[in-house]
Amino acid sequence: AFTYHEFTMWLRTVTLPLVGVASLSLSWEILAAMYRWVWGTPGPPLSPQVPFTYIEHESNGKLWPGIHQMFGAVERFQVVNSYGLFRRMTGVGGRPEVILEGSYDGHSWTEIEFMYKPGNVSAAPAVVAPHQPRLDWQLWFAALGPHQNSPWFSALVLRLLQGQPDVIRLVQTDESRYPFHARPPTFLRAQLYKYWFTSPSEGRPGPAPWWRRQHVQEFFPAVSLGHPTLESLLSQHGLK
């Protein structure tokens, strides 16, 4: 109910006052933190030093033990932490990845390669910026827990078993790279792996792989269309 000009004028009017409010708020928090520190109340004034030094383990170990105790007292409130979106990423202990596999007979399985996420250990990581590959991105989140935490995964399995073109294009826009472009797989399952980049010391004859991986466990059981497990999951999550 307002024009672009009206919005711009409003923004110009409130911005500087809001900067003042923010400055007063920050000053108040600093004074309150100093007060808590003087009176011995565990609080965040020095606590941020603990997560900040996570970046360098030796420095973290040299902090005064009292600071660690202070951080431990307030950590459960999550009032202090290291700065940054997704500051603590997966990958140090291996990057978890869900690998989908399809089969026509339930015995011989073929991995389904995605356009962007790690899969084939010989494939170089794709450069995607500024594109956001939604499905590959969500599969990374799915790999951080059991498949029950990602109800949409059951729907993905269903659509691939049905051979739905719109969903297949999320996996591969080049149908020749999708192993089941001729007809949908009869069975689908998913395995959980951990991936690491290879190092120069891991050289071997032939083209060097970009990744090494280790199988962790089954992520999603083998199912087919109408399979009781799949039907139960779809009904449970309201995806029927």
C-alpha atoms as a PDB file:
ATOM      1  CA  ALA A   1       0.000   0.000   0.000  1.00  0.00           C
ATOM      2  CA  PHE A   2       2.999   2.339  -0.431  1.00  0.00           C
ATOM      3  CA  THR A   3       5.095   3.439  -3.379  1.00  0.00           C
ATOM      4  CA  TYR A   4       8.780   2.843  -3.859  1.00  0.00           C
ATOM      5  CA  HIS A   5       9.433   6.555  -3.184  1.00  0.00           C
ATOM      6  CA  GLU A   6       7.445   6.429   0.075  1.00  0.00           C
ATOM      7  CA  PHE A   7       9.373   3.347   1.187  1.00  0.00           C
ATOM      8  CA  THR A   8      12.712   5.015   0.370  1.00  0.00           C
ATOM      9  CA  MET A   9      11.793   8.123   2.333  1.00  0.00           C
ATOM     10  CA  TRP A  10      10.689   6.033   5.313  1.00  0.00           C
ATOM     11  CA  LEU A  11      13.925   4.046   5.203  1.00  0.00           C
ATOM     12  CA  ARG A  12      15.953   7.269   5.058  1.00  0.00           C
ATOM     13  CA  THR A  13      14.063   8.598   8.074  1.00  0.00           C
ATOM     14  CA  VAL A  14      14.499   5.582  10.353  1.00  0.00           C
ATOM     15  CA  THR A  15      17.994   4.375   9.439  1.00  0.00           C
ATOM     16  CA  LEU A  16      20.079   6.847  11.437  1.00  0.00           C
ATOM     17  CA  PRO A  17      17.886   6.649  14.548  1.00  0.00           C
ATOM     18  CA  LEU A  18      18.103   2.875  14.399  1.00  0.00           C
ATOM     19  CA  VAL A  19      21.901   3.097  14.219  1.00  0.00           C
ATOM     20  CA  GLY A  20      21.743   5.138  17.421  1.00  0.00           C
ATOM     21  CA  VAL A  21      19.484   2.572  19.075  1.00  0.00           C
ATOM     22  CA  ALA A  22      21.846  -0.208  18.040  1.00  0.00           C
ATOM     23  CA  SER A  23      24.829   1.676  19.462  1.00  0.00           C
ATOM     24  CA  LEU A  24      23.049   2.234  22.769  1.00  0.00           C
ATOM     25  CA  SER A  25      22.027  -1.418  22.867  1.00  0.00           C
ATOM     26  CA  LEU A  26      25.607  -2.569  22.251  1.00  0.00           C
ATOM     27  CA  SER A  27      26.925  -0.171  24.906  1.00  0.00           C
ATOM     28  CA  TRP A  28      24.377  -1.495  27.402  1.00  0.00           C
ATOM     29  CA  GLU A  29      25.374  -5.091  26.677  1.00  0.00           C
ATOM     30  CA  ILE A  30      29.058  -4.259  27.150  1.00  0.00           C
ATOM     31  CA  LEU A  31      28.401  -2.505  30.466  1.00  0.00           C
ATOM     32  CA  ALA A  32      26.156  -5.338  31.651  1.00  0.00           C
ATOM     33  CA  ALA A  33      28.811  -7.890  30.690  1.00  0.00           C
ATOM     34  CA  MET A  34      31.468  -5.928  32.570  1.00  0.00           C
ATOM     35  CA  TYR A  35      29.193  -5.784  35.603  1.00  0.00           C
ATOM     36  CA  ARG A  36      28.677  -9.551  35.534  1.00  0.00           C
ATOM     37  CA  TRP A  37      32.407 -10.072  35.174  1.00  0.00           C
ATOM     38  CA  VAL A  38      33.267  -7.787  38.122  1.00  0.00           C
ATOM     39  CA  TRP A  39      30.720  -9.489  40.350  1.00  0.00           C
ATOM     40  CA  GLY A  40      31.850 -12.980  39.382  1.00  0.00           C
ATOM     41  CA  THR A  41      28.755 -14.037  37.498  1.00  0.00           C
ATOM     42  CA  PRO A  42      29.630 -16.464  34.688  1.00  0.00           C
ATOM     43  CA  GLY A  43      28.894 -14.694  31.436  1.00  0.00           C
ATOM     44  CA  PRO A  44      30.075 -14.117  27.906  1.00  0.00           C
ATOM     45  CA  PRO A  45      32.731 -11.344  28.206  1.00  0.00           C
ATOM     46  CA  LEU A  46      35.679 -13.737  27.918  1.00  0.00           C
ATOM     47  CA  SER A  47      33.744 -16.838  26.884  1.00  0.00           C
ATOM     48  CA  PRO A  48      33.976 -16.070  23.133  1.00  0.00           C
ATOM     49  CA  GLN A  49      37.721 -16.653  23.394  1.00  0.00           C
ATOM     50  CA  VAL A  50      37.035 -20.386  23.673  1.00  0.00           C
ATOM     51  CA  PRO A  51      35.146 -20.944  20.404  1.00  0.00           C
ATOM     52  CA  PHE A  52      37.300 -18.315  18.697  1.00  0.00           C
ATOM     53  CA  THR A  53      40.442 -20.349  19.416  1.00  0.00           C
ATOM     54  CA  TYR A  54      38.892 -23.519  18.000  1.00  0.00           C
ATOM     55  CA  ILE A  55      40.511 -22.409  14.761  1.00  0.00           C
ATOM     56  CA  GLU A  56      43.919 -23.160  16.293  1.00  0.00           C
ATOM     57  CA  HIS A  57      43.997 -26.028  18.773  1.00  0.00           C
ATOM     58  CA  GLU A  58      47.203 -25.038  20.557  1.00  0.00           C
ATOM     59  CA  SER A  59      45.917 -21.559  21.364  1.00  0.00           C
ATOM     60  CA  ASN A  60      42.729 -23.062  22.720  1.00  0.00           C
ATOM     61  CA  GLY A  61      44.733 -25.186  25.108  1.00  0.00           C
ATOM     62  CA  LYS A  62      46.725 -22.188  26.393  1.00  0.00           C
ATOM     63  CA  LEU A  63      43.672 -20.288  27.605  1.00  0.00           C
ATOM     64  CA  TRP A  64      43.301 -19.766  31.333  1.00  0.00           C
ATOM     65  CA  PRO A  65      41.250 -22.699  32.704  1.00  0.00           C
ATOM     66  CA  GLY A  66      38.793 -20.259  34.265  1.00  0.00           C
ATOM     67  CA  ILE A  67      37.770 -19.095  30.805  1.00  0.00           C
ATOM     68  CA  HIS A  68      36.954 -22.669  29.798  1.00  0.00           C
ATOM     69  CA  GLN A  69      34.888 -23.054  32.961  1.00  0.00           C
ATOM     70  CA  MET A  70      33.053 -19.824  32.212  1.00  0.00           C
ATOM     71  CA  PHE A  71      32.326 -20.963  28.660  1.00  0.00           C
ATOM     72  CA  GLY A  72      31.094 -24.325  29.939  1.00  0.00           C
ATOM     73  CA  ALA A  73      28.681 -22.550  32.274  1.00  0.00           C
ATOM     74  CA  VAL A  74      26.985 -20.606  29.476  1.00  0.00           C
ATOM     75  CA  GLU A  75      27.460 -22.876  26.463  1.00  0.00           C
ATOM     76  CA  ARG A  76      24.043 -24.515  26.846  1.00  0.00           C
ATOM     77  CA  PHE A  77      22.411 -21.108  26.398  1.00  0.00           C
ATOM     78  CA  GLN A  78      24.197 -20.605  23.052  1.00  0.00           C
ATOM     79  CA  VAL A  79      24.816 -16.958  23.878  1.00  0.00           C
ATOM     80  CA  VAL A  80      28.372 -17.078  22.545  1.00  0.00           C
ATOM     81  CA  ASN A  81      29.760 -18.984  19.589  1.00  0.00           C
ATOM     82  CA  SER A  82      32.101 -18.557  16.688  1.00  0.00           C
ATOM     83  CA  TYR A  83      30.943 -16.100  14.074  1.00  0.00           C
ATOM     84  CA  GLY A  84      29.646 -17.123  10.673  1.00  0.00           C
ATOM     85  CA  LEU A  85      26.867 -18.953   8.892  1.00  0.00           C
ATOM     86  CA  PHE A  86      27.649 -22.696   8.930  1.00  0.00           C
ATOM     87  CA  ARG A  87      30.854 -21.952  10.804  1.00  0.00           C
ATOM     88  CA  ARG A  88      31.256 -25.540  11.860  1.00  0.00           C
ATOM     89  CA  MET A  89      31.022 -27.575   8.647  1.00  0.00           C
ATOM     90  CA  THR A  90      31.173 -31.303   8.090  1.00  0.00           C
ATOM     91  CA  GLY A  91      34.212 -32.759   6.414  1.00  0.00           C
ATOM     92  CA  VAL A  92      36.948 -32.819   9.045  1.00  0.00           C
ATOM     93  CA  GLY A  93      36.098 -36.412   9.897  1.00  0.00           C
ATOM     94  CA  GLY A  94      34.958 -37.147   6.359  1.00  0.00           C
ATOM     95  CA  ARG A  95      32.210 -35.513   4.324  1.00  0.00           C
ATOM     96  CA  PRO A  96      29.033 -37.661   4.595  1.00  0.00           C
ATOM     97  CA  GLU A  97      27.335 -38.336   1.270  1.00  0.00           C
ATOM     98  CA  VAL A  98      24.220 -40.283   0.315  1.00  0.00           C
ATOM     99  CA  ILE A  99      24.770 -42.409  -2.790  1.00  0.00           C
ATOM    100  CA  LEU A 100      21.635 -43.614  -4.585  1.00  0.00           C
ATOM    101  CA  GLU A 101      21.793 -46.973  -6.362  1.00  0.00           C
ATOM    102  CA  GLY A 102      19.340 -48.513  -8.801  1.00  0.00           C
ATOM    103  CA  SER A 103      18.836 -52.045 -10.055  1.00  0.00           C
ATOM    104  CA  TYR A 104      16.599 -54.047 -12.364  1.00  0.00           C
ATOM    105  CA  ASP A 105      17.095 -57.406 -10.636  1.00  0.00           C
ATOM    106  CA  GLY A 106      17.917 -56.498  -7.028  1.00  0.00           C
ATOM    107  CA  HIS A 107      21.398 -58.043  -7.325  1.00  0.00           C
ATOM    108  CA  SER A 108      23.398 -55.851  -9.706  1.00  0.00           C
ATOM    109  CA  TRP A 109      23.395 -52.225  -8.557  1.00  0.00           C
ATOM    110  CA  THR A 110      24.375 -49.081 -10.459  1.00  0.00           C
ATOM    111  CA  GLU A 111      25.211 -45.794  -8.742  1.00  0.00           C
ATOM    112  CA  ILE A 112      23.216 -42.735  -9.798  1.00  0.00           C
ATOM    113  CA  GLU A 113      25.560 -39.816 -10.401  1.00  0.00           C
ATOM    114  CA  PHE A 114      24.337 -36.296  -9.553  1.00  0.00           C
ATOM    115  CA  MET A 115      25.471 -33.192 -11.385  1.00  0.00           C
ATOM    116  CA  TYR A 116      27.019 -31.362  -8.444  1.00  0.00           C
ATOM    117  CA  LYS A 117      27.510 -33.374  -5.293  1.00  0.00           C
ATOM    118  CA  PRO A 118      30.375 -35.837  -4.713  1.00  0.00           C
ATOM    119  CA  GLY A 119      29.752 -39.334  -6.019  1.00  0.00           C
ATOM    120  CA  ASN A 120      32.169 -40.737  -8.558  1.00  0.00           C
ATOM    121  CA  VAL A 121      35.588 -40.536  -6.868  1.00  0.00           C
ATOM    122  CA  SER A 122      37.233 -39.668 -10.199  1.00  0.00           C
ATOM    123  CA  ALA A 123      34.931 -36.717 -10.913  1.00  0.00           C
ATOM    124  CA  ALA A 124      36.249 -33.226 -10.115  1.00  0.00           C
ATOM    125  CA  PRO A 125      34.053 -31.049  -7.868  1.00  0.00           C
ATOM    126  CA  ALA A 126      31.686 -28.938  -9.935  1.00  0.00           C
ATOM    127  CA  VAL A 127      31.852 -25.133  -9.936  1.00  0.00           C
ATOM    128  CA  VAL A 128      28.273 -24.011  -9.303  1.00  0.00           C
ATOM    129  CA  ALA A 129      28.344 -20.405  -8.025  1.00  0.00           C
ATOM    130  CA  PRO A 130      26.094 -18.474  -8.174  1.00  0.00           C
ATOM    131  CA  HIS A 131      23.748 -21.393  -8.961  1.00  0.00           C
ATOM    132  CA  GLN A 132      22.180 -23.186  -5.989  1.00  0.00           C
ATOM    133  CA  PRO A 133      21.714 -26.883  -6.787  1.00  0.00           C
ATOM    134  CA  ARG A 134      18.800 -27.469  -4.453  1.00  0.00           C
ATOM    135  CA  LEU A 135      18.580 -31.262  -4.545  1.00  0.00           C
ATOM    136  CA  ASP A 136      22.321 -31.838  -4.169  1.00  0.00           C
ATOM    137  CA  TRP A 137      22.348 -29.298  -1.319  1.00  0.00           C
ATOM    138  CA  GLN A 138      19.481 -31.020   0.481  1.00  0.00           C
ATOM    139  CA  LEU A 139      21.144 -34.417   0.084  1.00  0.00           C
ATOM    140  CA  TRP A 140      24.106 -33.049   2.040  1.00  0.00           C
ATOM    141  CA  PHE A 141      21.756 -32.190   4.908  1.00  0.00           C
ATOM    142  CA  ALA A 142      20.061 -35.590   4.604  1.00  0.00           C
ATOM    143  CA  ALA A 143      23.432 -37.302   5.054  1.00  0.00           C
ATOM    144  CA  LEU A 144      23.834 -35.705   8.503  1.00  0.00           C
ATOM    145  CA  GLY A 145      21.142 -37.941  10.034  1.00  0.00           C
ATOM    146  CA  PRO A 146      18.857 -40.924   9.355  1.00  0.00           C
ATOM    147  CA  HIS A 147      16.563 -40.771   6.347  1.00  0.00           C
ATOM    148  CA  GLN A 148      13.563 -40.404   8.680  1.00  0.00           C
ATOM    149  CA  ASN A 149      14.802 -36.864   9.366  1.00  0.00           C
ATOM    150  CA  SER A 150      14.364 -36.042   5.671  1.00  0.00           C
ATOM    151  CA  PRO A 151      10.835 -37.167   4.721  1.00  0.00           C
ATOM    152  CA  TRP A 152      11.230 -35.740   1.208  1.00  0.00           C
ATOM    153  CA  PHE A 153      13.827 -38.431   0.472  1.00  0.00           C
ATOM    154  CA  SER A 154      11.098 -41.078   0.345  1.00  0.00           C
ATOM    155  CA  ALA A 155       9.257 -38.944  -2.214  1.00  0.00           C
ATOM    156  CA  LEU A 156      12.453 -38.644  -4.270  1.00  0.00           C
ATOM    157  CA  VAL A 157      12.811 -42.432  -4.306  1.00  0.00           C
ATOM    158  CA  LEU A 158       9.172 -42.810  -5.372  1.00  0.00           C
ATOM    159  CA  ARG A 159       9.500 -40.366  -8.288  1.00  0.00           C
ATOM    160  CA  LEU A 160      12.698 -41.982  -9.534  1.00  0.00           C
ATOM    161  CA  LEU A 161      11.048 -45.404  -9.406  1.00  0.00           C
ATOM    162  CA  GLN A 162       8.199 -43.903 -11.418  1.00  0.00           C
ATOM    163  CA  GLY A 163      10.660 -42.330 -13.859  1.00  0.00           C
ATOM    164  CA  GLN A 164       9.210 -38.835 -13.489  1.00  0.00           C
ATOM    165  CA  PRO A 165      11.105 -36.625 -15.998  1.00  0.00           C
ATOM    166  CA  ASP A 166      10.956 -33.429 -13.897  1.00  0.00           C
ATOM    167  CA  VAL A 167      12.672 -35.181 -10.993  1.00  0.00           C
ATOM    168  CA  ILE A 168      15.205 -36.944 -13.190  1.00  0.00           C
ATOM    169  CA  ARG A 169      16.249 -33.545 -14.571  1.00  0.00           C
ATOM    170  CA  LEU A 170      17.097 -32.480 -11.013  1.00  0.00           C
ATOM    171  CA  VAL A 171      19.565 -35.360 -10.950  1.00  0.00           C
ATOM    172  CA  GLN A 172      20.932 -35.055 -14.501  1.00  0.00           C
ATOM    173  CA  THR A 173      19.925 -32.656 -17.258  1.00  0.00           C
ATOM    174  CA  ASP A 174      21.899 -34.805 -19.723  1.00  0.00           C
ATOM    175  CA  GLU A 175      19.799 -37.961 -19.884  1.00  0.00           C
ATOM    176  CA  SER A 176      22.697 -39.947 -21.344  1.00  0.00           C
ATOM    177  CA  ARG A 177      24.423 -39.603 -17.965  1.00  0.00           C
ATOM    178  CA  TYR A 178      21.418 -40.975 -16.110  1.00  0.00           C
ATOM    179  CA  PRO A 179      21.828 -44.775 -16.103  1.00  0.00           C
ATOM    180  CA  PHE A 180      18.088 -45.469 -16.112  1.00  0.00           C
ATOM    181  CA  HIS A 181      16.975 -43.072 -18.840  1.00  0.00           C
ATOM    182  CA  ALA A 182      15.685 -45.947 -21.013  1.00  0.00           C
ATOM    183  CA  ARG A 183      13.341 -47.222 -18.319  1.00  0.00           C
ATOM    184  CA  PRO A 184      13.047 -46.578 -14.553  1.00  0.00           C
ATOM    185  CA  PRO A 185      14.876 -48.858 -12.134  1.00  0.00           C
ATOM    186  CA  THR A 186      12.884 -51.636 -10.515  1.00  0.00           C
ATOM    187  CA  PHE A 187      14.667 -51.215  -7.193  1.00  0.00           C
ATOM    188  CA  LEU A 188      16.315 -48.283  -5.446  1.00  0.00           C
ATOM    189  CA  ARG A 189      18.423 -48.071  -2.318  1.00  0.00           C
ATOM    190  CA  ALA A 190      20.911 -45.616  -0.814  1.00  0.00           C
ATOM    191  CA  GLN A 191      24.239 -46.033   0.923  1.00  0.00           C
ATOM    192  CA  LEU A 192      26.033 -43.619   3.253  1.00  0.00           C
ATOM    193  CA  TYR A 193      29.708 -42.939   2.576  1.00  0.00           C
ATOM    194  CA  LYS A 194      32.302 -40.603   3.971  1.00  0.00           C
ATOM    195  CA  TYR A 195      34.417 -38.724   1.449  1.00  0.00           C
ATOM    196  CA  TRP A 196      37.843 -37.129   1.725  1.00  0.00           C
ATOM    197  CA  PHE A 197      39.933 -35.292  -0.841  1.00  0.00           C
ATOM    198  CA  THR A 198      42.954 -37.310  -1.900  1.00  0.00           C
ATOM    199  CA  SER A 199      46.470 -36.022  -1.215  1.00  0.00           C
ATOM    200  CA  PRO A 200      49.590 -36.078  -3.428  1.00  0.00           C
ATOM    201  CA  SER A 201      50.973 -38.912  -1.296  1.00  0.00           C
ATOM    202  CA  GLU A 202      48.089 -41.120  -2.390  1.00  0.00           C
ATOM    203  CA  GLY A 203      49.325 -41.258  -5.983  1.00  0.00           C
ATOM    204  CA  ARG A 204      48.625 -44.406  -7.961  1.00  0.00           C
ATOM    205  CA  PRO A 205      48.979 -45.548 -11.585  1.00  0.00           C
ATOM    206  CA  GLY A 206      46.538 -43.960 -14.017  1.00  0.00           C
ATOM    207  CA  PRO A 207      44.409 -40.833 -13.530  1.00  0.00           C
ATOM    208  CA  ALA A 208      44.460 -39.703  -9.907  1.00  0.00           C
ATOM    209  CA  PRO A 209      41.037 -39.775  -8.191  1.00  0.00           C
ATOM    210  CA  TRP A 210      39.783 -36.579  -6.598  1.00  0.00           C
ATOM    211  CA  TRP A 211      38.212 -38.383  -3.667  1.00  0.00           C
ATOM    212  CA  ARG A 212      38.633 -41.392  -1.480  1.00  0.00           C
ATOM    213  CA  ARG A 213      35.628 -42.766   0.317  1.00  0.00           C
ATOM    214  CA  GLN A 214      34.629 -45.262   2.972  1.00  0.00           C
ATOM    215  CA  HIS A 215      31.301 -47.032   3.268  1.00  0.00           C
ATOM    216  CA  VAL A 216      29.577 -46.264   6.556  1.00  0.00           C
ATOM    217  CA  GLN A 217      26.189 -47.979   6.459  1.00  0.00           C
ATOM    218  CA  GLU A 218      22.987 -48.427   4.532  1.00  0.00           C
ATOM    219  CA  PHE A 219      21.061 -45.161   4.408  1.00  0.00           C
ATOM    220  CA  PHE A 220      17.802 -46.288   2.777  1.00  0.00           C
ATOM    221  CA  PRO A 221      16.702 -49.915   2.288  1.00  0.00           C
ATOM    222  CA  ALA A 222      16.106 -51.442  -1.119  1.00  0.00           C
ATOM    223  CA  VAL A 223      12.517 -50.786  -2.211  1.00  0.00           C
ATOM    224  CA  SER A 224      10.374 -51.019  -5.310  1.00  0.00           C
ATOM    225  CA  LEU A 225       7.014 -49.523  -6.273  1.00  0.00           C
ATOM    226  CA  GLY A 226       4.415 -50.760  -3.822  1.00  0.00           C
ATOM    227  CA  HIS A 227       7.026 -52.046  -1.354  1.00  0.00           C
ATOM    228  CA  PRO A 228       5.555 -52.028   2.200  1.00  0.00           C
ATOM    229  CA  THR A 229       8.494 -50.022   3.604  1.00  0.00           C
ATOM    230  CA  LEU A 230       8.143 -47.302   0.990  1.00  0.00           C
ATOM    231  CA  GLU A 231       4.364 -47.224   1.266  1.00  0.00           C
ATOM    232  CA  SER A 232       4.592 -46.928   5.042  1.00  0.00           C
ATOM    233  CA  LEU A 233       7.059 -44.030   4.862  1.00  0.00           C
ATOM    234  CA  LEU A 234       4.980 -42.164   2.300  1.00  0.00           C
ATOM    235  CA  SER A 235       1.822 -42.588   4.372  1.00  0.00           C
ATOM    236  CA  GLN A 236       3.605 -41.652   7.592  1.00  0.00           C
ATOM    237  CA  HIS A 237       4.797 -38.353   6.119  1.00  0.00           C
ATOM    238  CA  GLY A 238       1.569 -37.570   4.261  1.00  0.00           C
ATOM    239  CA  LEU A 239       3.198 -38.000   0.839  1.00  0.00           C
ATOM    240  CA  LYS A 240       0.751 -40.510  -0.596  1.00  0.00           C
END
